[in-house]
């Protein structure tokens, strides 16, 4: 959306947020340090980063699934996988 002065801005919505004291303190510190012009800018950046992290996690998961699908090793029954995980969690291992 162009404002008329050549600057493009995104459409905005308004939302009231309540933060724990430690988060509010963190926001205030970042603003005082001049890292962000406003709390809105800081929160928007935090949400963008979270979104990027989620996208990266999804991509990594897709790659791992594809690697598994491409793996020529024989399949293992789910019951065996769960048994192995249970054994590892309990600290014992059977060869």
C-alpha atoms as a PDB file:
ATOM      1  CA  UNK A   1       0.000   0.000   0.000  1.00  0.00           C
ATOM      2  CA  UNK A   2       1.591   3.298  -1.086  1.00  0.00           C
ATOM      3  CA  UNK A   3       1.085   6.335   1.149  1.00  0.00           C
ATOM      4  CA  UNK A   4       1.455   8.912  -1.599  1.00  0.00           C
ATOM      5  CA  UNK A   5       5.029   9.903  -0.733  1.00  0.00           C
ATOM      6  CA  UNK A   6       6.518   6.860  -2.481  1.00  0.00           C
ATOM      7  CA  UNK A   7       6.808   4.892   0.763  1.00  0.00           C
ATOM      8  CA  UNK A   8       5.158   1.493   0.758  1.00  0.00           C
ATOM      9  CA  UNK A   9       3.618   0.336   4.008  1.00  0.00           C
ATOM     10  CA  UNK A  10       1.760  -2.811   4.953  1.00  0.00           C
ATOM     11  CA  UNK A  11      -1.871  -2.764   5.971  1.00  0.00           C
ATOM     12  CA  UNK A  12      -2.131  -2.543   9.745  1.00  0.00           C
ATOM     13  CA  UNK A  13      -4.535  -3.860  12.328  1.00  0.00           C
ATOM     14  CA  UNK A  14      -4.800  -2.991  16.003  1.00  0.00           C
ATOM     15  CA  UNK A  15      -4.587  -5.529  18.811  1.00  0.00           C
ATOM     16  CA  UNK A  16      -4.268  -5.020  22.540  1.00  0.00           C
ATOM     17  CA  UNK A  17      -1.595  -7.229  24.122  1.00  0.00           C
ATOM     18  CA  UNK A  18      -0.780  -7.891  27.761  1.00  0.00           C
ATOM     19  CA  UNK A  19       2.763  -8.963  28.663  1.00  0.00           C
ATOM     20  CA  UNK A  20       4.344 -10.372  31.805  1.00  0.00           C
ATOM     21  CA  UNK A  21       6.501  -7.873  33.704  1.00  0.00           C
ATOM     22  CA  UNK A  22       9.779  -9.403  32.479  1.00  0.00           C
ATOM     23  CA  UNK A  23       8.681  -9.134  28.832  1.00  0.00           C
ATOM     24  CA  UNK A  24       7.544  -5.549  29.359  1.00  0.00           C
ATOM     25  CA  UNK A  25      10.938  -4.783  30.927  1.00  0.00           C
ATOM     26  CA  UNK A  26      12.720  -6.373  27.947  1.00  0.00           C
ATOM     27  CA  UNK A  27      10.679  -4.269  25.519  1.00  0.00           C
ATOM     28  CA  UNK A  28      11.431  -1.097  27.492  1.00  0.00           C
ATOM     29  CA  UNK A  29      15.159  -1.895  27.531  1.00  0.00           C
ATOM     30  CA  UNK A  30      15.248  -2.445  23.748  1.00  0.00           C
ATOM     31  CA  UNK A  31      13.363   0.811  23.163  1.00  0.00           C
ATOM     32  CA  UNK A  32      15.639   2.745  25.535  1.00  0.00           C
ATOM     33  CA  UNK A  33      18.673   1.315  23.739  1.00  0.00           C
ATOM     34  CA  UNK A  34      17.251   2.657  20.480  1.00  0.00           C
ATOM     35  CA  UNK A  35      17.099  -0.788  18.881  1.00  0.00           C
ATOM     36  CA  UNK A  36      13.469  -0.257  17.873  1.00  0.00           C
ATOM     37  CA  UNK A  37      11.425   2.859  17.241  1.00  0.00           C
ATOM     38  CA  UNK A  38       8.334   1.471  18.974  1.00  0.00           C
ATOM     39  CA  UNK A  39       6.992  -1.525  20.855  1.00  0.00           C
ATOM     40  CA  UNK A  40       4.876  -2.280  17.769  1.00  0.00           C
ATOM     41  CA  UNK A  41       8.021  -2.523  15.650  1.00  0.00           C
ATOM     42  CA  UNK A  42       9.714  -4.821  18.190  1.00  0.00           C
ATOM     43  CA  UNK A  43       6.723  -7.165  18.483  1.00  0.00           C
ATOM     44  CA  UNK A  44       6.277  -7.282  14.703  1.00  0.00           C
ATOM     45  CA  UNK A  45       9.961  -8.213  14.289  1.00  0.00           C
ATOM     46  CA  UNK A  46       9.649 -10.902  16.983  1.00  0.00           C
ATOM     47  CA  UNK A  47       6.621 -12.414  15.245  1.00  0.00           C
ATOM     48  CA  UNK A  48       8.416 -12.327  11.858  1.00  0.00           C
ATOM     49  CA  UNK A  49      11.391 -14.151  13.376  1.00  0.00           C
ATOM     50  CA  UNK A  50       9.123 -16.739  14.983  1.00  0.00           C
ATOM     51  CA  UNK A  51       7.397 -17.235  11.651  1.00  0.00           C
ATOM     52  CA  UNK A  52      10.761 -17.663   9.910  1.00  0.00           C
ATOM     53  CA  UNK A  53      11.837 -20.194  12.553  1.00  0.00           C
ATOM     54  CA  UNK A  54       8.621 -22.163  12.012  1.00  0.00           C
ATOM     55  CA  UNK A  55       9.199 -22.123   8.266  1.00  0.00           C
ATOM     56  CA  UNK A  56      12.779 -23.346   8.770  1.00  0.00           C
ATOM     57  CA  UNK A  57      11.619 -26.095  11.152  1.00  0.00           C
ATOM     58  CA  UNK A  58       9.028 -27.243   8.623  1.00  0.00           C
ATOM     59  CA  UNK A  59      11.643 -27.278   5.852  1.00  0.00           C
ATOM     60  CA  UNK A  60      14.101 -29.247   8.003  1.00  0.00           C
ATOM     61  CA  UNK A  61      11.353 -31.735   8.825  1.00  0.00           C
ATOM     62  CA  UNK A  62      10.481 -32.102   5.129  1.00  0.00           C
ATOM     63  CA  UNK A  63      14.169 -32.751   4.348  1.00  0.00           C
ATOM     64  CA  UNK A  64      14.438 -35.375   7.099  1.00  0.00           C
ATOM     65  CA  UNK A  65      11.305 -37.134   5.886  1.00  0.00           C
ATOM     66  CA  UNK A  66      12.613 -37.126   2.329  1.00  0.00           C
ATOM     67  CA  UNK A  67      15.983 -38.507   3.499  1.00  0.00           C
ATOM     68  CA  UNK A  68      14.142 -41.270   5.297  1.00  0.00           C
ATOM     69  CA  UNK A  69      12.051 -42.047   2.231  1.00  0.00           C
ATOM     70  CA  UNK A  70      15.198 -42.152   0.088  1.00  0.00           C
ATOM     71  CA  UNK A  71      17.079 -44.375   2.573  1.00  0.00           C
ATOM     72  CA  UNK A  72      17.624 -47.838   1.036  1.00  0.00           C
ATOM     73  CA  UNK A  73      17.787 -49.501   4.480  1.00  0.00           C
ATOM     74  CA  UNK A  74      14.990 -51.933   5.216  1.00  0.00           C
ATOM     75  CA  UNK A  75      11.944 -50.543   7.014  1.00  0.00           C
ATOM     76  CA  UNK A  76      11.551 -51.187  10.709  1.00  0.00           C
ATOM     77  CA  UNK A  77       8.169 -51.960  12.266  1.00  0.00           C
ATOM     78  CA  UNK A  78       6.827 -49.138  14.445  1.00  0.00           C
ATOM     79  CA  UNK A  79       6.644 -51.478  17.456  1.00  0.00           C
ATOM     80  CA  UNK A  80      10.407 -52.053  17.213  1.00  0.00           C
ATOM     81  CA  UNK A  81      11.073 -48.319  17.008  1.00  0.00           C
ATOM     82  CA  UNK A  82       8.931 -47.625  20.090  1.00  0.00           C
ATOM     83  CA  UNK A  83      10.640 -50.483  21.972  1.00  0.00           C
ATOM     84  CA  UNK A  84      14.095 -49.077  21.117  1.00  0.00           C
ATOM     85  CA  UNK A  85      13.067 -45.590  22.205  1.00  0.00           C
ATOM     86  CA  UNK A  86      11.661 -46.925  25.481  1.00  0.00           C
ATOM     87  CA  UNK A  87      14.874 -48.854  26.106  1.00  0.00           C
ATOM     88  CA  UNK A  88      17.041 -45.789  25.430  1.00  0.00           C
ATOM     89  CA  UNK A  89      14.876 -43.657  27.682  1.00  0.00           C
ATOM     90  CA  UNK A  90      15.133 -46.178  30.509  1.00  0.00           C
ATOM     91  CA  UNK A  91      18.909 -46.456  30.060  1.00  0.00           C
ATOM     92  CA  UNK A  92      19.118 -50.046  28.932  1.00  0.00           C
ATOM     93  CA  UNK A  93      20.017 -51.172  25.465  1.00  0.00           C
ATOM     94  CA  UNK A  94      19.495 -54.491  23.764  1.00  0.00           C
ATOM     95  CA  UNK A  95      21.635 -55.203  20.696  1.00  0.00           C
END
